[in-house]
Amino acid sequence: MIYVKQLILTVFGLTLMLLFMMITACSTSKTPINTGSQGIALKGYDTVAYFTVGKPVKGDSQFGHTWKGATWLFSSKEHLDLFAASPEKYAPQYGGY
């Protein structure tokens, strides 16, 4: 009887731990993006330009891309393609906050 109680408590504890880990993983995987009221990330600046040009460059709505619920603008098709291929590489940490 003691063995059955220990087994039940162990399974219950492991289930709770697994549930907690799943909830934590789901809540941290969706980092909100700072978009302001218009839904545009980085106030319309080209995030790839910070890496390629080394300075802020205003994006063009002609080169827009939606990722994580935000619209990202780029100054060129090349920058758009670089971002689309690897958004985590170019997106600001912590959603741009």
PDB file of N, CA and C in Angstrom:
ATOM      1  N   MET A   1       0.824  -1.200   0.000  1.00  0.00           N
ATOM      2  CA  MET A   1       0.000   0.000   0.000  1.00  0.00           C
ATOM      3  C   MET A   1       0.865   1.260   0.000  1.00  0.00           C
ATOM      4  N   ILE A   2       1.953   1.261   0.761  1.00  0.00           N
ATOM      5  CA  ILE A   2       2.844   2.414   0.811  1.00  0.00           C
ATOM      6  C   ILE A   2       3.495   2.623  -0.565  1.00  0.00           C
ATOM      7  N   TYR A   3       3.868   1.524  -1.190  1.00  0.00           N
ATOM      8  CA  TYR A   3       4.486   1.598  -2.512  1.00  0.00           C
ATOM      9  C   TYR A   3       3.540   2.250  -3.525  1.00  0.00           C
ATOM     10  N   VAL A   4       2.258   1.930  -3.479  1.00  0.00           N
ATOM     11  CA  VAL A   4       1.273   2.484  -4.403  1.00  0.00           C
ATOM     12  C   VAL A   4       1.128   3.988  -4.168  1.00  0.00           C
ATOM     13  N   LYS A   5       1.101   4.417  -2.902  1.00  0.00           N
ATOM     14  CA  LYS A   5       0.995   5.842  -2.589  1.00  0.00           C
ATOM     15  C   LYS A   5       2.223   6.593  -3.104  1.00  0.00           C
ATOM     16  N   GLN A   6       3.413   6.026  -2.911  1.00  0.00           N
ATOM     17  CA  GLN A   6       4.640   6.666  -3.394  1.00  0.00           C
ATOM     18  C   GLN A   6       4.628   6.762  -4.917  1.00  0.00           C
ATOM     19  N   LEU A   7       4.159   5.714  -5.556  1.00  0.00           N
ATOM     20  CA  LEU A   7       4.097   5.710  -7.012  1.00  0.00           C
ATOM     21  C   LEU A   7       3.127   6.778  -7.512  1.00  0.00           C
ATOM     22  N   ILE A   8       1.973   6.882  -6.884  1.00  0.00           N
ATOM     23  CA  ILE A   8       0.970   7.883  -7.270  1.00  0.00           C
ATOM     24  C   ILE A   8       1.528   9.291  -7.074  1.00  0.00           C
ATOM     25  N   LEU A   9       2.178   9.539  -5.929  1.00  0.00           N
ATOM     26  CA  LEU A   9       2.749  10.852  -5.659  1.00  0.00           C
ATOM     27  C   LEU A   9       3.865  11.189  -6.650  1.00  0.00           C
ATOM     28  N   THR A  10       4.668  10.214  -7.003  1.00  0.00           N
ATOM     29  CA  THR A  10       5.748  10.433  -7.962  1.00  0.00           C
ATOM     30  C   THR A  10       5.194  10.778  -9.333  1.00  0.00           C
ATOM     31  N   VAL A  11       4.203  10.019  -9.794  1.00  0.00           N
ATOM     32  CA  VAL A  11       3.590  10.282 -11.093  1.00  0.00           C
ATOM     33  C   VAL A  11       2.914  11.648 -11.085  1.00  0.00           C
ATOM     34  N   PHE A  12       2.227  11.975 -10.003  1.00  0.00           N
ATOM     35  CA  PHE A  12       1.560  13.268  -9.888  1.00  0.00           C
ATOM     36  C   PHE A  12       2.586  14.399  -9.929  1.00  0.00           C
ATOM     37  N   GLY A  13       3.672  14.257  -9.197  1.00  0.00           N
ATOM     38  CA  GLY A  13       4.722  15.272  -9.173  1.00  0.00           C
ATOM     39  C   GLY A  13       5.369  15.464 -10.533  1.00  0.00           C
ATOM     40  N   LEU A  14       5.662  14.365 -11.208  1.00  0.00           N
ATOM     41  CA  LEU A  14       6.254  14.453 -12.542  1.00  0.00           C
ATOM     42  C   LEU A  14       5.291  15.094 -13.539  1.00  0.00           C
ATOM     43  N   THR A  15       4.016  14.783 -13.406  1.00  0.00           N
ATOM     44  CA  THR A  15       3.009  15.374 -14.288  1.00  0.00           C
ATOM     45  C   THR A  15       2.938  16.878 -14.078  1.00  0.00           C
ATOM     46  N   LEU A  16       2.941  17.317 -12.834  1.00  0.00           N
ATOM     47  CA  LEU A  16       2.915  18.753 -12.542  1.00  0.00           C
ATOM     48  C   LEU A  16       4.166  19.449 -13.086  1.00  0.00           C
ATOM     49  N   MET A  17       5.308  18.825 -12.920  1.00  0.00           N
ATOM     50  CA  MET A  17       6.558  19.399 -13.401  1.00  0.00           C
ATOM     51  C   MET A  17       6.528  19.521 -14.928  1.00  0.00           C
ATOM     52  N   LEU A  18       6.062  18.496 -15.601  1.00  0.00           N
ATOM     53  CA  LEU A  18       5.969  18.528 -17.061  1.00  0.00           C
ATOM     54  C   LEU A  18       4.990  19.608 -17.519  1.00  0.00           C
ATOM     55  N   LEU A  19       3.873  19.725 -16.848  1.00  0.00           N
ATOM     56  CA  LEU A  19       2.883  20.748 -17.176  1.00  0.00           C
ATOM     57  C   LEU A  19       3.475  22.145 -16.999  1.00  0.00           C
ATOM     58  N   PHE A  20       4.174  22.371 -15.916  1.00  0.00           N
ATOM     59  CA  PHE A  20       4.820  23.656 -15.669  1.00  0.00           C
ATOM     60  C   PHE A  20       5.836  23.982 -16.768  1.00  0.00           C
ATOM     61  N   MET A  21       6.638  22.994 -17.165  1.00  0.00           N
ATOM     62  CA  MET A  21       7.640  23.215 -18.203  1.00  0.00           C
ATOM     63  C   MET A  21       6.976  23.551 -19.539  1.00  0.00           C
ATOM     64  N   MET A  22       5.872  22.900 -19.852  1.00  0.00           N
ATOM     65  CA  MET A  22       5.167  23.167 -21.102  1.00  0.00           C
ATOM     66  C   MET A  22       4.568  24.568 -21.103  1.00  0.00           C
ATOM     67  N   ILE A  23       3.977  24.974 -20.003  1.00  0.00           N
ATOM     68  CA  ILE A  23       3.395  26.312 -19.898  1.00  0.00           C
ATOM     69  C   ILE A  23       4.487  27.367 -20.016  1.00  0.00           C
ATOM     70  N   THR A  24       5.605  27.153 -19.365  1.00  0.00           N
ATOM     71  CA  THR A  24       6.719  28.101 -19.425  1.00  0.00           C
ATOM     72  C   THR A  24       7.265  28.203 -20.839  1.00  0.00           C
ATOM     73  N   ALA A  25       7.430  27.091 -21.503  1.00  0.00           N
ATOM     74  CA  ALA A  25       7.955  27.096 -22.872  1.00  0.00           C
ATOM     75  C   ALA A  25       7.000  27.822 -23.820  1.00  0.00           C
ATOM     76  N   CYS A  26       5.725  27.601 -23.662  1.00  0.00           N
ATOM     77  CA  CYS A  26       4.749  28.253 -24.541  1.00  0.00           C
ATOM     78  C   CYS A  26       4.684  29.752 -24.288  1.00  0.00           C
ATOM     79  N   SER A  27       4.793  30.165 -23.054  1.00  0.00           N
ATOM     80  CA  SER A  27       4.671  31.591 -22.755  1.00  0.00           C
ATOM     81  C   SER A  27       5.914  32.367 -23.157  1.00  0.00           C
ATOM     82  N   THR A  28       7.083  31.748 -23.185  1.00  0.00           N
ATOM     83  CA  THR A  28       8.293  32.471 -23.545  1.00  0.00           C
ATOM     84  C   THR A  28       8.593  32.416 -25.031  1.00  0.00           C
ATOM     85  N   SER A  29       7.940  31.545 -25.777  1.00  0.00           N
ATOM     86  CA  SER A  29       8.239  31.427 -27.197  1.00  0.00           C
ATOM     87  C   SER A  29       7.587  32.532 -28.020  1.00  0.00           C
ATOM     88  N   LYS A  30       6.651  33.256 -27.467  1.00  0.00           N
ATOM     89  CA  LYS A  30       5.970  34.311 -28.194  1.00  0.00           C
ATOM     90  C   LYS A  30       6.353  35.669 -27.604  1.00  0.00           C
ATOM     91  N   THR A  31       7.524  36.119 -27.921  1.00  0.00           N
ATOM     92  CA  THR A  31       7.958  37.423 -27.460  1.00  0.00           C
ATOM     93  C   THR A  31       7.175  38.484 -28.212  1.00  0.00           C
ATOM     94  N   PRO A  32       6.485  39.356 -27.493  1.00  0.00           N
ATOM     95  CA  PRO A  32       5.765  40.409 -28.199  1.00  0.00           C
ATOM     96  C   PRO A  32       6.751  41.385 -28.845  1.00  0.00           C
ATOM     97  N   ILE A  33       6.366  41.907 -29.969  1.00  0.00           N
ATOM     98  CA  ILE A  33       7.198  42.858 -30.694  1.00  0.00           C
ATOM     99  C   ILE A  33       6.665  44.266 -30.429  1.00  0.00           C
ATOM    100  N   ASN A  34       7.532  45.176 -30.090  1.00  0.00           N
ATOM    101  CA  ASN A  34       7.169  46.566 -29.865  1.00  0.00           C
ATOM    102  C   ASN A  34       6.838  47.198 -31.215  1.00  0.00           C
ATOM    103  N   THR A  35       5.556  47.461 -31.450  1.00  0.00           N
ATOM    104  CA  THR A  35       5.136  47.953 -32.758  1.00  0.00           C
ATOM    105  C   THR A  35       4.488  49.319 -32.721  1.00  0.00           C
ATOM    106  N   GLY A  36       4.192  49.837 -31.574  1.00  0.00           N
ATOM    107  CA  GLY A  36       3.448  51.087 -31.540  1.00  0.00           C
ATOM    108  C   GLY A  36       2.016  50.853 -31.993  1.00  0.00           C
ATOM    109  N   SER A  37       1.322  51.916 -32.306  1.00  0.00           N
ATOM    110  CA  SER A  37      -0.102  51.795 -32.630  1.00  0.00           C
ATOM    111  C   SER A  37      -0.367  51.321 -34.063  1.00  0.00           C
ATOM    112  N   GLN A  38       0.622  51.423 -34.945  1.00  0.00           N
ATOM    113  CA  GLN A  38       0.401  51.061 -36.346  1.00  0.00           C
ATOM    114  C   GLN A  38       0.844  49.647 -36.690  1.00  0.00           C
ATOM    115  N   GLY A  39       1.401  48.922 -35.744  1.00  0.00           N
ATOM    116  CA  GLY A  39       1.813  47.548 -35.982  1.00  0.00           C
ATOM    117  C   GLY A  39       3.128  47.410 -36.726  1.00  0.00           C
ATOM    118  N   ILE A  40       3.921  48.487 -36.773  1.00  0.00           N
ATOM    119  CA  ILE A  40       5.192  48.471 -37.497  1.00  0.00           C
ATOM    120  C   ILE A  40       6.347  48.378 -36.506  1.00  0.00           C
ATOM    121  N   ALA A  41       7.203  47.390 -36.708  1.00  0.00           N
ATOM    122  CA  ALA A  41       8.350  47.168 -35.825  1.00  0.00           C
ATOM    123  C   ALA A  41       9.420  48.240 -36.048  1.00  0.00           C
ATOM    124  N   LEU A  42      10.122  48.578 -34.992  1.00  0.00           N
ATOM    125  CA  LEU A  42      11.266  49.511 -35.027  1.00  0.00           C
ATOM    126  C   LEU A  42      10.935  50.861 -35.651  1.00  0.00           C
ATOM    127  N   LYS A  43       9.689  51.281 -35.494  1.00  0.00           N
ATOM    128  CA  LYS A  43       9.233  52.563 -36.030  1.00  0.00           C
ATOM    129  C   LYS A  43       9.520  52.700 -37.521  1.00  0.00           C
ATOM    130  N   GLY A  44       9.554  51.555 -38.212  1.00  0.00           N
ATOM    131  CA  GLY A  44       9.746  51.565 -39.652  1.00  0.00           C
ATOM    132  C   GLY A  44      11.188  51.527 -40.121  1.00  0.00           C
ATOM    133  N   TYR A  45      12.120  51.388 -39.198  1.00  0.00           N
ATOM    134  CA  TYR A  45      13.528  51.319 -39.588  1.00  0.00           C
ATOM    135  C   TYR A  45      13.911  49.894 -39.993  1.00  0.00           C
ATOM    136  N   ASP A  46      14.846  49.794 -40.901  1.00  0.00           N
ATOM    137  CA  ASP A  46      15.336  48.524 -41.447  1.00  0.00           C
ATOM    138  C   ASP A  46      16.281  47.874 -40.438  1.00  0.00           C
ATOM    139  N   THR A  47      15.850  46.778 -39.836  1.00  0.00           N
ATOM    140  CA  THR A  47      16.665  46.110 -38.818  1.00  0.00           C
ATOM    141  C   THR A  47      17.920  45.470 -39.397  1.00  0.00           C
ATOM    142  N   VAL A  48      17.883  45.048 -40.638  1.00  0.00           N
ATOM    143  CA  VAL A  48      19.053  44.437 -41.270  1.00  0.00           C
ATOM    144  C   VAL A  48      20.139  45.487 -41.509  1.00  0.00           C
ATOM    145  N   ALA A  49      19.738  46.715 -41.762  1.00  0.00           N
ATOM    146  CA  ALA A  49      20.704  47.785 -42.024  1.00  0.00           C
ATOM    147  C   ALA A  49      21.638  48.016 -40.840  1.00  0.00           C
ATOM    148  N   TYR A  50      21.158  47.781 -39.632  1.00  0.00           N
ATOM    149  CA  TYR A  50      22.027  47.932 -38.457  1.00  0.00           C
ATOM    150  C   TYR A  50      23.227  46.998 -38.556  1.00  0.00           C
ATOM    151  N   PHE A  51      23.037  45.860 -39.212  1.00  0.00           N
ATOM    152  CA  PHE A  51      24.117  44.871 -39.343  1.00  0.00           C
ATOM    153  C   PHE A  51      24.949  45.082 -40.611  1.00  0.00           C
ATOM    154  N   THR A  52      24.311  45.524 -41.685  1.00  0.00           N
ATOM    155  CA  THR A  52      25.029  45.627 -42.960  1.00  0.00           C
ATOM    156  C   THR A  52      25.624  47.008 -43.201  1.00  0.00           C
ATOM    157  N   VAL A  53      24.909  48.054 -42.815  1.00  0.00           N
ATOM    158  CA  VAL A  53      25.361  49.420 -43.042  1.00  0.00           C
ATOM    159  C   VAL A  53      25.960  50.021 -41.769  1.00  0.00           C
ATOM    160  N   GLY A  54      25.493  49.515 -40.626  1.00  0.00           N
ATOM    161  CA  GLY A  54      26.004  49.996 -39.346  1.00  0.00           C
ATOM    162  C   GLY A  54      25.337  51.252 -38.836  1.00  0.00           C
ATOM    163  N   LYS A  55      24.198  51.588 -39.401  1.00  0.00           N
ATOM    164  CA  LYS A  55      23.454  52.763 -38.936  1.00  0.00           C
ATOM    165  C   LYS A  55      21.978  52.585 -39.255  1.00  0.00           C
ATOM    166  N   PRO A  56      21.120  53.375 -38.605  1.00  0.00           N
ATOM    167  CA  PRO A  56      19.686  53.252 -38.890  1.00  0.00           C
ATOM    168  C   PRO A  56      19.358  53.776 -40.288  1.00  0.00           C
ATOM    169  N   VAL A  57      18.534  53.008 -40.991  1.00  0.00           N
ATOM    170  CA  VAL A  57      18.061  53.379 -42.327  1.00  0.00           C
ATOM    171  C   VAL A  57      16.549  53.175 -42.333  1.00  0.00           C
ATOM    172  N   LYS A  58      15.821  54.177 -42.773  1.00  0.00           N
ATOM    173  CA  LYS A  58      14.366  54.074 -42.816  1.00  0.00           C
ATOM    174  C   LYS A  58      13.950  53.030 -43.838  1.00  0.00           C
ATOM    175  N   GLY A  59      13.001  52.174 -43.458  1.00  0.00           N
ATOM    176  CA  GLY A  59      12.488  51.161 -44.360  1.00  0.00           C
ATOM    177  C   GLY A  59      11.450  51.721 -45.316  1.00  0.00           C
ATOM    178  N   ASP A  60      11.127  50.954 -46.319  1.00  0.00           N
ATOM    179  CA  ASP A  60      10.164  51.339 -47.348  1.00  0.00           C
ATOM    180  C   ASP A  60       9.008  50.346 -47.296  1.00  0.00           C
ATOM    181  N   SER A  61       7.773  50.849 -47.335  1.00  0.00           N
ATOM    182  CA  SER A  61       6.608  49.952 -47.247  1.00  0.00           C
ATOM    183  C   SER A  61       6.544  48.992 -48.437  1.00  0.00           C
ATOM    184  N   GLN A  62       7.244  49.303 -49.504  1.00  0.00           N
ATOM    185  CA  GLN A  62       7.328  48.407 -50.666  1.00  0.00           C
ATOM    186  C   GLN A  62       8.031  47.103 -50.293  1.00  0.00           C
ATOM    187  N   PHE A  63       8.913  47.153 -49.290  1.00  0.00           N
ATOM    188  CA  PHE A  63       9.673  45.985 -48.845  1.00  0.00           C
ATOM    189  C   PHE A  63       9.241  45.599 -47.433  1.00  0.00           C
ATOM    190  N   GLY A  64       7.968  45.284 -47.272  1.00  0.00           N
ATOM    191  CA  GLY A  64       7.427  44.912 -45.972  1.00  0.00           C
ATOM    192  C   GLY A  64       7.341  43.403 -45.800  1.00  0.00           C
ATOM    193  N   HIS A  65       7.432  42.965 -44.549  1.00  0.00           N
ATOM    194  CA  HIS A  65       7.362  41.539 -44.230  1.00  0.00           C
ATOM    195  C   HIS A  65       6.685  41.400 -42.868  1.00  0.00           C
ATOM    196  N   THR A  66       5.779  40.456 -42.741  1.00  0.00           N
ATOM    197  CA  THR A  66       5.108  40.230 -41.456  1.00  0.00           C
ATOM    198  C   THR A  66       5.758  39.058 -40.747  1.00  0.00           C
ATOM    199  N   TRP A  67       6.122  39.293 -39.489  1.00  0.00           N
ATOM    200  CA  TRP A  67       6.730  38.253 -38.653  1.00  0.00           C
ATOM    201  C   TRP A  67       6.351  38.531 -37.208  1.00  0.00           C
ATOM    202  N   LYS A  68       5.884  37.496 -36.514  1.00  0.00           N
ATOM    203  CA  LYS A  68       5.446  37.582 -35.118  1.00  0.00           C
ATOM    204  C   LYS A  68       4.411  38.686 -34.912  1.00  0.00           C
ATOM    205  N   GLY A  69       3.509  38.818 -35.867  1.00  0.00           N
ATOM    206  CA  GLY A  69       2.415  39.773 -35.732  1.00  0.00           C
ATOM    207  C   GLY A  69       2.785  41.214 -35.980  1.00  0.00           C
ATOM    208  N   ALA A  70       4.002  41.487 -36.403  1.00  0.00           N
ATOM    209  CA  ALA A  70       4.440  42.849 -36.677  1.00  0.00           C
ATOM    210  C   ALA A  70       4.843  42.987 -38.137  1.00  0.00           C
ATOM    211  N   THR A  71       4.719  44.182 -38.658  1.00  0.00           N
ATOM    212  CA  THR A  71       5.186  44.473 -40.006  1.00  0.00           C
ATOM    213  C   THR A  71       6.589  45.062 -39.906  1.00  0.00           C
ATOM    214  N   TRP A  72       7.509  44.455 -40.612  1.00  0.00           N
ATOM    215  CA  TRP A  72       8.909  44.890 -40.635  1.00  0.00           C
ATOM    216  C   TRP A  72       9.176  45.521 -41.997  1.00  0.00           C
ATOM    217  N   LEU A  73       9.760  46.706 -41.998  1.00  0.00           N
ATOM    218  CA  LEU A  73      10.058  47.401 -43.243  1.00  0.00           C
ATOM    219  C   LEU A  73      11.557  47.376 -43.510  1.00  0.00           C
ATOM    220  N   PHE A  74      11.906  47.285 -44.788  1.00  0.00           N
ATOM    221  CA  PHE A  74      13.317  47.198 -45.182  1.00  0.00           C
ATOM    222  C   PHE A  74      13.595  48.198 -46.285  1.00  0.00           C
ATOM    223  N   SER A  75      14.837  48.595 -46.404  1.00  0.00           N
ATOM    224  CA  SER A  75      15.228  49.584 -47.402  1.00  0.00           C
ATOM    225  C   SER A  75      15.482  48.952 -48.767  1.00  0.00           C
ATOM    226  N   SER A  76      15.576  47.632 -48.826  1.00  0.00           N
ATOM    227  CA  SER A  76      15.825  46.957 -50.104  1.00  0.00           C
ATOM    228  C   SER A  76      15.271  45.541 -50.069  1.00  0.00           C
ATOM    229  N   LYS A  77      15.100  44.978 -51.257  1.00  0.00           N
ATOM    230  CA  LYS A  77      14.649  43.583 -51.369  1.00  0.00           C
ATOM    231  C   LYS A  77      15.693  42.649 -50.784  1.00  0.00           C
ATOM    232  N   GLU A  78      16.959  42.989 -50.947  1.00  0.00           N
ATOM    233  CA  GLU A  78      18.039  42.167 -50.396  1.00  0.00           C
ATOM    234  C   GLU A  78      17.923  42.058 -48.873  1.00  0.00           C
ATOM    235  N   HIS A  79      17.658  43.176 -48.203  1.00  0.00           N
ATOM    236  CA  HIS A  79      17.507  43.155 -46.751  1.00  0.00           C
ATOM    237  C   HIS A  79      16.268  42.365 -46.339  1.00  0.00           C
ATOM    238  N   LEU A  80      15.193  42.536 -47.093  1.00  0.00           N
ATOM    239  CA  LEU A  80      13.979  41.765 -46.830  1.00  0.00           C
ATOM    240  C   LEU A  80      14.258  40.272 -46.919  1.00  0.00           C
ATOM    241  N   ASP A  81      14.962  39.856 -47.955  1.00  0.00           N
ATOM    242  CA  ASP A  81      15.276  38.442 -48.136  1.00  0.00           C
ATOM    243  C   ASP A  81      16.181  37.910 -47.023  1.00  0.00           C
ATOM    244  N   LEU A  82      17.153  38.706 -46.602  1.00  0.00           N
ATOM    245  CA  LEU A  82      18.029  38.288 -45.497  1.00  0.00           C
ATOM    246  C   LEU A  82      17.221  38.076 -44.221  1.00  0.00           C
ATOM    247  N   PHE A  83      16.317  39.002 -43.929  1.00  0.00           N
ATOM    248  CA  PHE A  83      15.492  38.886 -42.732  1.00  0.00           C
ATOM    249  C   PHE A  83      14.558  37.688 -42.817  1.00  0.00           C
ATOM    250  N   ALA A  84      13.899  37.519 -43.952  1.00  0.00           N
ATOM    251  CA  ALA A  84      12.947  36.411 -44.122  1.00  0.00           C
ATOM    252  C   ALA A  84      13.628  35.059 -43.955  1.00  0.00           C
ATOM    253  N   ALA A  85      14.884  34.967 -44.349  1.00  0.00           N
ATOM    254  CA  ALA A  85      15.617  33.708 -44.232  1.00  0.00           C
ATOM    255  C   ALA A  85      16.044  33.414 -42.798  1.00  0.00           C
ATOM    256  N   SER A  86      16.240  34.456 -41.989  1.00  0.00           N
ATOM    257  CA  SER A  86      16.727  34.253 -40.627  1.00  0.00           C
ATOM    258  C   SER A  86      16.318  35.413 -39.716  1.00  0.00           C
ATOM    259  N   PRO A  87      15.020  35.514 -39.400  1.00  0.00           N
ATOM    260  CA  PRO A  87      14.545  36.665 -38.625  1.00  0.00           C
ATOM    261  C   PRO A  87      15.165  36.791 -37.232  1.00  0.00           C
ATOM    262  N   GLU A  88      15.419  35.673 -36.560  1.00  0.00           N
ATOM    263  CA  GLU A  88      16.001  35.744 -35.211  1.00  0.00           C
ATOM    264  C   GLU A  88      17.393  36.375 -35.229  1.00  0.00           C
ATOM    265  N   LYS A  89      18.085  36.252 -36.342  1.00  0.00           N
ATOM    266  CA  LYS A  89      19.429  36.816 -36.460  1.00  0.00           C
ATOM    267  C   LYS A  89      19.383  38.345 -36.460  1.00  0.00           C
ATOM    268  N   TYR A  90      18.320  38.918 -37.032  1.00  0.00           N
ATOM    269  CA  TYR A  90      18.256  40.364 -37.218  1.00  0.00           C
ATOM    270  C   TYR A  90      17.276  41.081 -36.293  1.00  0.00           C
ATOM    271  N   ALA A  91      16.305  40.387 -35.766  1.00  0.00           N
ATOM    272  CA  ALA A  91      15.317  41.021 -34.891  1.00  0.00           C
ATOM    273  C   ALA A  91      15.972  41.456 -33.588  1.00  0.00           C
ATOM    274  N   PRO A  92      15.547  42.581 -33.039  1.00  0.00           N
ATOM    275  CA  PRO A  92      16.133  43.037 -31.771  1.00  0.00           C
ATOM    276  C   PRO A  92      15.742  42.112 -30.626  1.00  0.00           C
ATOM    277  N   GLN A  93      16.608  42.044 -29.643  1.00  0.00           N
ATOM    278  CA  GLN A  93      16.326  41.210 -28.469  1.00  0.00           C
ATOM    279  C   GLN A  93      15.157  41.817 -27.693  1.00  0.00           C
ATOM    280  N   TYR A  94      14.450  40.975 -27.004  1.00  0.00           N
ATOM    281  CA  TYR A  94      13.349  41.368 -26.116  1.00  0.00           C
ATOM    282  C   TYR A  94      12.244  42.129 -26.861  1.00  0.00           C
ATOM    283  N   GLY A  95      12.063  41.822 -28.157  1.00  0.00           N
ATOM    284  CA  GLY A  95      10.970  42.413 -28.914  1.00  0.00           C
ATOM    285  C   GLY A  95      11.149  43.881 -29.257  1.00  0.00           C
ATOM    286  N   GLY A  96      12.331  44.421 -29.029  1.00  0.00           N
ATOM    287  CA  GLY A  96      12.595  45.810 -29.342  1.00  0.00           C
ATOM    288  C   GLY A  96      12.183  46.778 -28.249  1.00  0.00           C
ATOM    289  N   TYR A  97      11.958  46.266 -27.050  1.00  0.00           N
ATOM    290  CA  TYR A  97      11.592  47.143 -25.935  1.00  0.00           C
ATOM    291  C   TYR A  97      12.826  47.730 -25.295  1.00  0.00           C
TER     292      TYR A  97
END
